[in-house]
Amino acid sequence: MVFISLFEVFFKIGLVSFGGGYAMIPLIESEIVKRGWLLPQEIDNLVAVSEVTPGSISINTATFVGYRVGGFFGGLVATLGLVFPSLLVVLFAA
């Protein structure tokens, strides 16, 4: 199912990426191109739209990719997948 794949990919990216949203872009690019969700030529547009949209570039990118792949719920699942590892760490630390 595409929603499970979206969650797994962005959970992994959120778990292993350090250094902020710009550090996540190469990993996001390799994962989404490898799976055929976006073409390599579309990555520049993805980054441009994510930069001009208010909010974190990594969350905007996850939402955009999820929306392109699975519609509204795909965007929601991808965003939650990216944020969930940080949420778990904060809850564990608290």
C-alpha atoms as a PDB file:
ATOM      1  CA  MET A   1       0.000   0.000   0.000  1.00  0.00           C
ATOM      2  CA  VAL A   2       1.287   3.425  -0.932  1.00  0.00           C
ATOM      3  CA  PHE A   3       0.472   5.015   2.443  1.00  0.00           C
ATOM      4  CA  ILE A   4       2.597   2.486   4.309  1.00  0.00           C
ATOM      5  CA  SER A   5       5.484   3.072   1.899  1.00  0.00           C
ATOM      6  CA  LEU A   6       5.184   6.840   2.318  1.00  0.00           C
ATOM      7  CA  PHE A   7       5.215   6.551   6.096  1.00  0.00           C
ATOM      8  CA  GLU A   8       8.172   4.138   6.109  1.00  0.00           C
ATOM      9  CA  VAL A   9      10.289   6.244   3.753  1.00  0.00           C
ATOM     10  CA  PHE A  10       9.714   9.521   5.553  1.00  0.00           C
ATOM     11  CA  PHE A  11      10.004   7.900   8.990  1.00  0.00           C
ATOM     12  CA  LYS A  12      13.429   6.595   7.975  1.00  0.00           C
ATOM     13  CA  ILE A  13      14.434  10.008   6.648  1.00  0.00           C
ATOM     14  CA  GLY A  14      13.269  11.716   9.846  1.00  0.00           C
ATOM     15  CA  LEU A  15      15.066   9.146  11.973  1.00  0.00           C
ATOM     16  CA  VAL A  16      18.500   9.222  10.340  1.00  0.00           C
ATOM     17  CA  SER A  17      18.744  12.817   9.087  1.00  0.00           C
ATOM     18  CA  PHE A  18      20.574  15.390  11.150  1.00  0.00           C
ATOM     19  CA  GLY A  19      21.302  19.001  10.298  1.00  0.00           C
ATOM     20  CA  GLY A  20      17.902  20.402   9.401  1.00  0.00           C
ATOM     21  CA  GLY A  21      15.737  20.452   6.329  1.00  0.00           C
ATOM     22  CA  TYR A  22      18.444  21.272   3.812  1.00  0.00           C
ATOM     23  CA  ALA A  23      20.472  18.277   4.965  1.00  0.00           C
ATOM     24  CA  MET A  24      17.460  16.033   4.268  1.00  0.00           C
ATOM     25  CA  ILE A  25      17.021  17.067   0.638  1.00  0.00           C
ATOM     26  CA  PRO A  26      19.608  14.669  -0.895  1.00  0.00           C
ATOM     27  CA  LEU A  27      18.172  11.719   1.048  1.00  0.00           C
ATOM     28  CA  ILE A  28      14.616  12.671   0.116  1.00  0.00           C
ATOM     29  CA  GLU A  29      15.673  13.019  -3.506  1.00  0.00           C
ATOM     30  CA  SER A  30      17.333   9.617  -3.669  1.00  0.00           C
ATOM     31  CA  GLU A  31      14.397   7.858  -1.983  1.00  0.00           C
ATOM     32  CA  ILE A  32      11.631   9.390  -4.074  1.00  0.00           C
ATOM     33  CA  VAL A  33      13.459   9.035  -7.383  1.00  0.00           C
ATOM     34  CA  LYS A  34      14.393   5.426  -6.592  1.00  0.00           C
ATOM     35  CA  ARG A  35      10.733   4.599  -5.989  1.00  0.00           C
ATOM     36  CA  GLY A  36       9.565   6.480  -9.092  1.00  0.00           C
ATOM     37  CA  TRP A  37       7.372   8.890  -7.156  1.00  0.00           C
ATOM     38  CA  LEU A  38       8.958  11.885  -8.884  1.00  0.00           C
ATOM     39  CA  LEU A  39      11.265  12.275 -11.845  1.00  0.00           C
ATOM     40  CA  PRO A  40      14.785  13.636 -11.335  1.00  0.00           C
ATOM     41  CA  GLN A  41      13.814  16.702 -13.374  1.00  0.00           C
ATOM     42  CA  GLU A  42      11.049  17.527 -10.880  1.00  0.00           C
ATOM     43  CA  ILE A  43      13.354  17.791  -7.874  1.00  0.00           C
ATOM     44  CA  ASP A  44      14.280  21.422  -8.588  1.00  0.00           C
ATOM     45  CA  ASN A  45      10.596  22.365  -8.668  1.00  0.00           C
ATOM     46  CA  LEU A  46      10.014  20.398  -5.466  1.00  0.00           C
ATOM     47  CA  VAL A  47      12.749  22.296  -3.636  1.00  0.00           C
ATOM     48  CA  ALA A  48      11.625  25.665  -5.052  1.00  0.00           C
ATOM     49  CA  VAL A  49       8.008  25.168  -3.992  1.00  0.00           C
ATOM     50  CA  SER A  50       9.105  23.911  -0.574  1.00  0.00           C
ATOM     51  CA  GLU A  51      11.321  26.967  -0.044  1.00  0.00           C
ATOM     52  CA  VAL A  52       8.689  29.573  -0.870  1.00  0.00           C
ATOM     53  CA  THR A  53       5.962  27.878   1.176  1.00  0.00           C
ATOM     54  CA  PRO A  54       5.907  28.955   4.842  1.00  0.00           C
ATOM     55  CA  GLY A  55       7.295  26.348   7.199  1.00  0.00           C
ATOM     56  CA  SER A  56      10.161  23.909   7.350  1.00  0.00           C
ATOM     57  CA  ILE A  57      11.517  22.852   3.968  1.00  0.00           C
ATOM     58  CA  SER A  58      11.637  19.195   4.991  1.00  0.00           C
ATOM     59  CA  ILE A  59       8.006  19.129   6.120  1.00  0.00           C
ATOM     60  CA  ASN A  60       6.891  21.016   3.027  1.00  0.00           C
ATOM     61  CA  THR A  61       8.798  18.555   0.846  1.00  0.00           C
ATOM     62  CA  ALA A  62       7.271  15.541   2.584  1.00  0.00           C
ATOM     63  CA  THR A  63       3.803  17.026   2.270  1.00  0.00           C
ATOM     64  CA  PHE A  64       4.287  17.820  -1.412  1.00  0.00           C
ATOM     65  CA  VAL A  65       5.618  14.368  -2.280  1.00  0.00           C
ATOM     66  CA  GLY A  66       2.911  12.658  -0.251  1.00  0.00           C
ATOM     67  CA  TYR A  67       0.228  14.728  -1.927  1.00  0.00           C
ATOM     68  CA  ARG A  68       1.574  13.925  -5.395  1.00  0.00           C
ATOM     69  CA  VAL A  69       1.693  10.213  -4.615  1.00  0.00           C
ATOM     70  CA  GLY A  70      -1.407   9.682  -2.477  1.00  0.00           C
ATOM     71  CA  GLY A  71      -3.518  12.830  -2.464  1.00  0.00           C
ATOM     72  CA  PHE A  72      -4.526  14.565   0.740  1.00  0.00           C
ATOM     73  CA  PHE A  73      -4.054  11.515   2.957  1.00  0.00           C
ATOM     74  CA  GLY A  74      -0.699  10.785   1.304  1.00  0.00           C
ATOM     75  CA  GLY A  75       0.500  14.266   2.256  1.00  0.00           C
ATOM     76  CA  LEU A  76      -0.725  13.768   5.784  1.00  0.00           C
ATOM     77  CA  VAL A  77       0.909  10.342   6.150  1.00  0.00           C
ATOM     78  CA  ALA A  78       4.248  11.525   4.710  1.00  0.00           C
ATOM     79  CA  THR A  79       4.298  14.549   7.004  1.00  0.00           C
ATOM     80  CA  LEU A  80       3.478  12.459  10.055  1.00  0.00           C
ATOM     81  CA  GLY A  81       6.148   9.949   9.069  1.00  0.00           C
ATOM     82  CA  LEU A  82       8.772  12.684   8.932  1.00  0.00           C
ATOM     83  CA  VAL A  83       7.761  14.260  12.258  1.00  0.00           C
ATOM     84  CA  PHE A  84       7.094  11.062  14.221  1.00  0.00           C
ATOM     85  CA  PRO A  85      10.746  10.161  15.078  1.00  0.00           C
ATOM     86  CA  SER A  86      11.339  13.612  16.580  1.00  0.00           C
ATOM     87  CA  LEU A  87       8.074  13.380  18.479  1.00  0.00           C
ATOM     88  CA  LEU A  88       9.101  10.023  19.933  1.00  0.00           C
ATOM     89  CA  VAL A  89      12.471  11.373  21.055  1.00  0.00           C
ATOM     90  CA  VAL A  90      10.877  14.394  22.733  1.00  0.00           C
ATOM     91  CA  LEU A  91       8.246  12.256  24.467  1.00  0.00           C
ATOM     92  CA  PHE A  92      10.916   9.808  25.636  1.00  0.00           C
ATOM     93  CA  ALA A  93      13.100  12.633  26.947  1.00  0.00           C
ATOM     94  CA  ALA A  94      10.197  14.262  28.759  1.00  0.00           C
END
